[in-house]
Amino acid sequence: MALSEYEKKTLEQIAQELERDDPRLASKMTLMPGKASGHLGAGILTCLAGCLVLITGIAARAPALGIIGFTIMGTGAYLATIRIRSLRIRRRPEASPSMGPAELG
């Protein structure tokens, strides 16, 4: 369902206010299609390759090959989640006058 003109203008206004109030958060929230999709695509392909190596190691009864395949799968999972890790909030917010005790958790 498409957004109405009013909704588009409202979202634009919210985005501009966020950019003005907290430029660091706004830059983190901005999607970087080339970089994010590149990591995700490389991670998925690496996971699939690791899975194939793992299955080959199991079929050939070669534990070393299975361990290598599992390691490749782990590397792929890491690559696929690099962008997600950078978006995580690393620490709790400090107390500020605008936040009450219930908002601090």
N, C-alpha and C. Protein backbone atom coordinates (compact mmCIF):
# COMPACT_ATOMS: atom_id res chain seq x y z
N MET A 1 0.84 -1.17 0.00
CA MET A 1 0.00 0.00 0.00
C MET A 1 0.89 1.24 0.00
N ALA A 2 0.64 2.15 -0.91
CA ALA A 2 1.43 3.37 -1.05
C ALA A 2 1.06 4.38 0.04
N LEU A 3 2.03 5.20 0.38
CA LEU A 3 1.80 6.25 1.38
C LEU A 3 1.16 7.46 0.72
N SER A 4 0.31 8.14 1.46
CA SER A 4 -0.29 9.38 0.96
C SER A 4 0.76 10.49 1.01
N GLU A 5 0.47 11.59 0.34
CA GLU A 5 1.40 12.73 0.35
C GLU A 5 1.62 13.25 1.77
N TYR A 6 0.55 13.28 2.55
CA TYR A 6 0.65 13.75 3.94
C TYR A 6 1.60 12.85 4.74
N GLU A 7 1.47 11.54 4.57
CA GLU A 7 2.32 10.60 5.29
C GLU A 7 3.77 10.73 4.85
N LYS A 8 3.99 10.93 3.56
CA LYS A 8 5.36 11.11 3.06
C LYS A 8 5.99 12.36 3.65
N LYS A 9 5.23 13.47 3.69
CA LYS A 9 5.74 14.72 4.25
C LYS A 9 6.02 14.58 5.74
N THR A 10 5.14 13.86 6.44
CA THR A 10 5.33 13.66 7.88
C THR A 10 6.59 12.83 8.14
N LEU A 11 6.79 11.77 7.38
CA LEU A 11 7.99 10.95 7.54
C LEU A 11 9.25 11.74 7.21
N GLU A 12 9.19 12.57 6.17
CA GLU A 12 10.33 13.42 5.83
C GLU A 12 10.66 14.38 6.96
N GLN A 13 9.62 14.95 7.57
CA GLN A 13 9.81 15.88 8.67
C GLN A 13 10.43 15.17 9.88
N ILE A 14 9.96 13.97 10.18
CA ILE A 14 10.53 13.20 11.29
C ILE A 14 12.00 12.89 11.01
N ALA A 15 12.32 12.51 9.77
CA ALA A 15 13.70 12.20 9.41
C ALA A 15 14.59 13.43 9.56
N GLN A 16 14.10 14.60 9.16
CA GLN A 16 14.87 15.83 9.28
C GLN A 16 15.10 16.19 10.75
N GLU A 17 14.08 16.00 11.58
CA GLU A 17 14.23 16.28 13.02
C GLU A 17 15.24 15.33 13.66
N LEU A 18 15.20 14.07 13.27
CA LEU A 18 16.17 13.11 13.78
C LEU A 18 17.58 13.50 13.36
N GLU A 19 17.73 13.88 12.11
CA GLU A 19 19.04 14.31 11.59
C GLU A 19 19.56 15.51 12.37
N ARG A 20 18.67 16.43 12.71
CA ARG A 20 19.06 17.63 13.45
C ARG A 20 19.38 17.31 14.91
N ASP A 21 18.54 16.49 15.54
CA ASP A 21 18.69 16.19 16.97
C ASP A 21 19.85 15.23 17.26
N ASP A 22 20.00 14.20 16.45
CA ASP A 22 21.02 13.19 16.71
C ASP A 22 21.61 12.70 15.39
N PRO A 23 22.56 13.45 14.83
CA PRO A 23 23.11 13.08 13.53
C PRO A 23 23.82 11.73 13.54
N ARG A 24 24.43 11.38 14.67
CA ARG A 24 25.14 10.09 14.75
C ARG A 24 24.17 8.92 14.61
N LEU A 25 23.04 8.98 15.33
CA LEU A 25 22.03 7.94 15.22
C LEU A 25 21.42 7.91 13.83
N ALA A 26 21.18 9.09 13.27
CA ALA A 26 20.60 9.16 11.93
C ALA A 26 21.51 8.52 10.90
N SER A 27 22.82 8.72 11.04
CA SER A 27 23.75 8.11 10.08
C SER A 27 23.79 6.59 10.24
N LYS A 28 23.63 6.11 11.47
CA LYS A 28 23.60 4.66 11.67
C LYS A 28 22.32 4.04 11.15
N MET A 29 21.22 4.79 11.20
CA MET A 29 19.94 4.27 10.75
C MET A 29 19.80 4.31 9.23
N THR A 30 20.64 5.11 8.58
CA THR A 30 20.59 5.22 7.13
C THR A 30 21.08 3.91 6.52
N LEU A 31 20.32 3.40 5.57
CA LEU A 31 20.71 2.16 4.91
C LEU A 31 21.81 2.44 3.91
N MET A 32 22.80 1.56 3.91
CA MET A 32 23.85 1.61 2.91
C MET A 32 23.70 0.35 2.06
N PRO A 33 22.90 0.40 0.98
CA PRO A 33 22.56 -0.80 0.25
C PRO A 33 23.76 -1.57 -0.27
N GLY A 34 24.75 -0.91 -0.79
CA GLY A 34 25.89 -1.63 -1.35
C GLY A 34 26.67 -2.39 -0.29
N LYS A 35 26.98 -1.74 0.80
CA LYS A 35 27.79 -2.35 1.84
C LYS A 35 27.02 -3.43 2.60
N ALA A 36 25.81 -3.13 3.01
CA ALA A 36 25.03 -4.08 3.80
C ALA A 36 24.68 -5.32 2.99
N SER A 37 24.23 -5.14 1.75
CA SER A 37 23.86 -6.30 0.95
C SER A 37 25.09 -7.09 0.55
N GLY A 38 26.23 -6.43 0.41
CA GLY A 38 27.47 -7.14 0.07
C GLY A 38 27.89 -8.08 1.18
N HIS A 39 27.83 -7.59 2.42
CA HIS A 39 28.18 -8.44 3.56
C HIS A 39 27.19 -9.58 3.70
N LEU A 40 25.92 -9.28 3.52
CA LEU A 40 24.89 -10.30 3.66
C LEU A 40 25.05 -11.37 2.59
N GLY A 41 25.22 -10.95 1.35
CA GLY A 41 25.38 -11.90 0.25
C GLY A 41 26.63 -12.76 0.42
N ALA A 42 27.74 -12.12 0.78
CA ALA A 42 28.98 -12.87 0.98
C ALA A 42 28.83 -13.84 2.15
N GLY A 43 28.14 -13.41 3.19
CA GLY A 43 27.94 -14.28 4.35
C GLY A 43 27.10 -15.50 4.02
N ILE A 44 26.04 -15.29 3.26
CA ILE A 44 25.17 -16.41 2.89
C ILE A 44 25.92 -17.40 2.01
N LEU A 45 26.65 -16.87 1.01
CA LEU A 45 27.41 -17.77 0.14
C LEU A 45 28.49 -18.53 0.90
N THR A 46 29.14 -17.86 1.84
CA THR A 46 30.16 -18.51 2.64
C THR A 46 29.55 -19.60 3.52
N CYS A 47 28.38 -19.31 4.09
CA CYS A 47 27.69 -20.32 4.90
C CYS A 47 27.34 -21.55 4.06
N LEU A 48 26.84 -21.32 2.86
CA LEU A 48 26.49 -22.44 1.98
C LEU A 48 27.73 -23.25 1.61
N ALA A 49 28.82 -22.56 1.31
CA ALA A 49 30.06 -23.27 0.98
C ALA A 49 30.54 -24.08 2.18
N GLY A 50 30.47 -23.50 3.37
CA GLY A 50 30.87 -24.22 4.57
C GLY A 50 30.00 -25.43 4.83
N CYS A 51 28.70 -25.29 4.54
CA CYS A 51 27.78 -26.41 4.71
C CYS A 51 28.16 -27.56 3.76
N LEU A 52 28.48 -27.21 2.53
CA LEU A 52 28.90 -28.24 1.57
C LEU A 52 30.19 -28.94 2.02
N VAL A 53 31.15 -28.17 2.52
CA VAL A 53 32.40 -28.76 3.01
C VAL A 53 32.11 -29.65 4.21
N LEU A 54 31.24 -29.21 5.10
CA LEU A 54 30.88 -30.01 6.28
C LEU A 54 30.23 -31.33 5.87
N ILE A 55 29.29 -31.27 4.95
CA ILE A 55 28.61 -32.49 4.50
C ILE A 55 29.60 -33.42 3.79
N THR A 56 30.49 -32.84 3.01
CA THR A 56 31.52 -33.65 2.35
C THR A 56 32.41 -34.33 3.38
N GLY A 57 32.77 -33.60 4.44
CA GLY A 57 33.59 -34.18 5.50
C GLY A 57 32.88 -35.31 6.22
N ILE A 58 31.57 -35.17 6.43
CA ILE A 58 30.80 -36.23 7.07
C ILE A 58 30.72 -37.45 6.15
N ALA A 59 30.46 -37.20 4.86
CA ALA A 59 30.34 -38.31 3.90
C ALA A 59 31.67 -39.04 3.72
N ALA A 60 32.76 -38.30 3.76
CA ALA A 60 34.08 -38.91 3.57
C ALA A 60 34.66 -39.43 4.88
N ARG A 61 33.91 -39.24 5.97
CA ARG A 61 34.37 -39.63 7.30
C ARG A 61 35.74 -39.02 7.63
N ALA A 62 35.83 -37.71 7.35
CA ALA A 62 37.05 -36.96 7.61
C ALA A 62 36.72 -35.85 8.60
N PRO A 63 37.00 -36.09 9.89
CA PRO A 63 36.64 -35.10 10.90
C PRO A 63 37.30 -33.73 10.67
N ALA A 64 38.52 -33.72 10.17
CA ALA A 64 39.21 -32.45 9.94
C ALA A 64 38.45 -31.61 8.90
N LEU A 65 37.96 -32.27 7.87
CA LEU A 65 37.21 -31.56 6.84
C LEU A 65 35.88 -31.03 7.40
N GLY A 66 35.26 -31.79 8.28
CA GLY A 66 34.03 -31.33 8.94
C GLY A 66 34.28 -30.12 9.81
N ILE A 67 35.38 -30.11 10.53
CA ILE A 67 35.74 -28.97 11.38
C ILE A 67 36.01 -27.74 10.52
N ILE A 68 36.70 -27.93 9.41
CA ILE A 68 36.97 -26.82 8.50
C ILE A 68 35.65 -26.26 7.94
N GLY A 69 34.74 -27.14 7.57
CA GLY A 69 33.44 -26.71 7.06
C GLY A 69 32.66 -25.93 8.10
N PHE A 70 32.70 -26.40 9.34
CA PHE A 70 31.99 -25.70 10.41
C PHE A 70 32.59 -24.31 10.64
N THR A 71 33.91 -24.22 10.55
CA THR A 71 34.59 -22.93 10.71
C THR A 71 34.20 -21.98 9.58
N ILE A 72 34.12 -22.50 8.36
CA ILE A 72 33.71 -21.67 7.22
C ILE A 72 32.27 -21.18 7.42
N MET A 73 31.40 -22.04 7.93
CA MET A 73 30.02 -21.64 8.19
C MET A 73 29.97 -20.53 9.24
N GLY A 74 30.76 -20.64 10.27
CA GLY A 74 30.81 -19.60 11.31
C GLY A 74 31.29 -18.27 10.76
N THR A 75 32.28 -18.32 9.87
CA THR A 75 32.77 -17.10 9.24
C THR A 75 31.68 -16.47 8.39
N GLY A 76 30.92 -17.29 7.69
CA GLY A 76 29.81 -16.78 6.88
C GLY A 76 28.75 -16.12 7.73
N ALA A 77 28.44 -16.72 8.87
CA ALA A 77 27.45 -16.13 9.77
C ALA A 77 27.95 -14.78 10.30
N TYR A 78 29.23 -14.70 10.59
CA TYR A 78 29.81 -13.44 11.05
C TYR A 78 29.69 -12.37 9.96
N LEU A 79 30.05 -12.71 8.73
CA LEU A 79 29.96 -11.76 7.63
C LEU A 79 28.53 -11.28 7.41
N ALA A 80 27.58 -12.20 7.54
CA ALA A 80 26.19 -11.83 7.29
C ALA A 80 25.64 -10.91 8.37
N THR A 81 26.22 -10.93 9.56
CA THR A 81 25.68 -10.14 10.67
C THR A 81 26.52 -8.92 11.02
N ILE A 82 27.50 -8.57 10.22
CA ILE A 82 28.34 -7.42 10.53
C ILE A 82 27.51 -6.15 10.65
N ARG A 83 26.61 -5.90 9.70
CA ARG A 83 25.80 -4.68 9.72
C ARG A 83 24.86 -4.68 10.93
N ILE A 84 24.32 -5.82 11.29
CA ILE A 84 23.41 -5.90 12.43
C ILE A 84 24.15 -5.57 13.72
N ARG A 85 25.37 -6.06 13.86
CA ARG A 85 26.15 -5.80 15.07
C ARG A 85 26.45 -4.32 15.23
N SER A 86 26.69 -3.61 14.13
CA SER A 86 27.03 -2.20 14.24
C SER A 86 25.82 -1.34 14.63
N LEU A 87 24.61 -1.86 14.47
CA LEU A 87 23.41 -1.11 14.84
C LEU A 87 23.01 -1.30 16.30
N ARG A 88 23.60 -2.26 16.98
CA ARG A 88 23.24 -2.52 18.37
C ARG A 88 23.60 -1.35 19.27
N ILE A 89 22.77 -1.13 20.26
CA ILE A 89 23.09 -0.11 21.27
C ILE A 89 24.01 -0.77 22.28
N ARG A 90 25.15 -0.17 22.53
CA ARG A 90 26.18 -0.82 23.34
C ARG A 90 26.06 -0.56 24.83
N ARG A 91 25.41 0.52 25.23
CA ARG A 91 25.29 0.78 26.66
C ARG A 91 23.95 1.41 26.96
N ARG A 92 23.58 1.35 28.21
CA ARG A 92 22.31 1.92 28.65
C ARG A 92 22.40 3.43 28.63
N PRO A 93 21.29 4.11 28.37
CA PRO A 93 21.30 5.58 28.36
C PRO A 93 21.53 6.11 29.77
N GLU A 94 22.23 7.22 29.83
CA GLU A 94 22.45 7.86 31.12
C GLU A 94 21.21 8.64 31.51
N ALA A 95 21.11 8.93 32.79
CA ALA A 95 19.96 9.70 33.27
C ALA A 95 20.01 11.10 32.69
N SER A 96 18.87 11.58 32.25
CA SER A 96 18.77 12.94 31.74
C SER A 96 17.50 13.55 32.32
N PRO A 97 17.42 14.86 32.31
CA PRO A 97 16.24 15.52 32.88
C PRO A 97 14.96 15.14 32.17
N SER A 98 15.02 14.77 30.91
CA SER A 98 13.80 14.44 30.18
C SER A 98 13.33 13.01 30.43
N MET A 99 14.15 12.18 31.08
CA MET A 99 13.78 10.79 31.30
C MET A 99 13.44 10.57 32.77
N GLY A 100 12.32 9.95 32.99
CA GLY A 100 11.92 9.63 34.35
C GLY A 100 12.50 8.29 34.76
N PRO A 101 12.35 7.89 36.03
CA PRO A 101 12.92 6.63 36.49
C PRO A 101 12.32 5.43 35.79
N ALA A 102 11.06 5.50 35.37
CA ALA A 102 10.44 4.36 34.69
C ALA A 102 11.05 4.13 33.31
N GLU A 103 11.54 5.20 32.68
CA GLU A 103 12.11 5.08 31.34
C GLU A 103 13.53 4.52 31.37
N LEU A 104 14.20 4.63 32.48
CA LEU A 104 15.57 4.13 32.58
C LEU A 104 15.63 2.62 32.76
N GLY A 105 14.58 2.01 33.19
CA GLY A 105 14.52 0.56 33.34
C GLY A 105 15.08 0.15 34.62
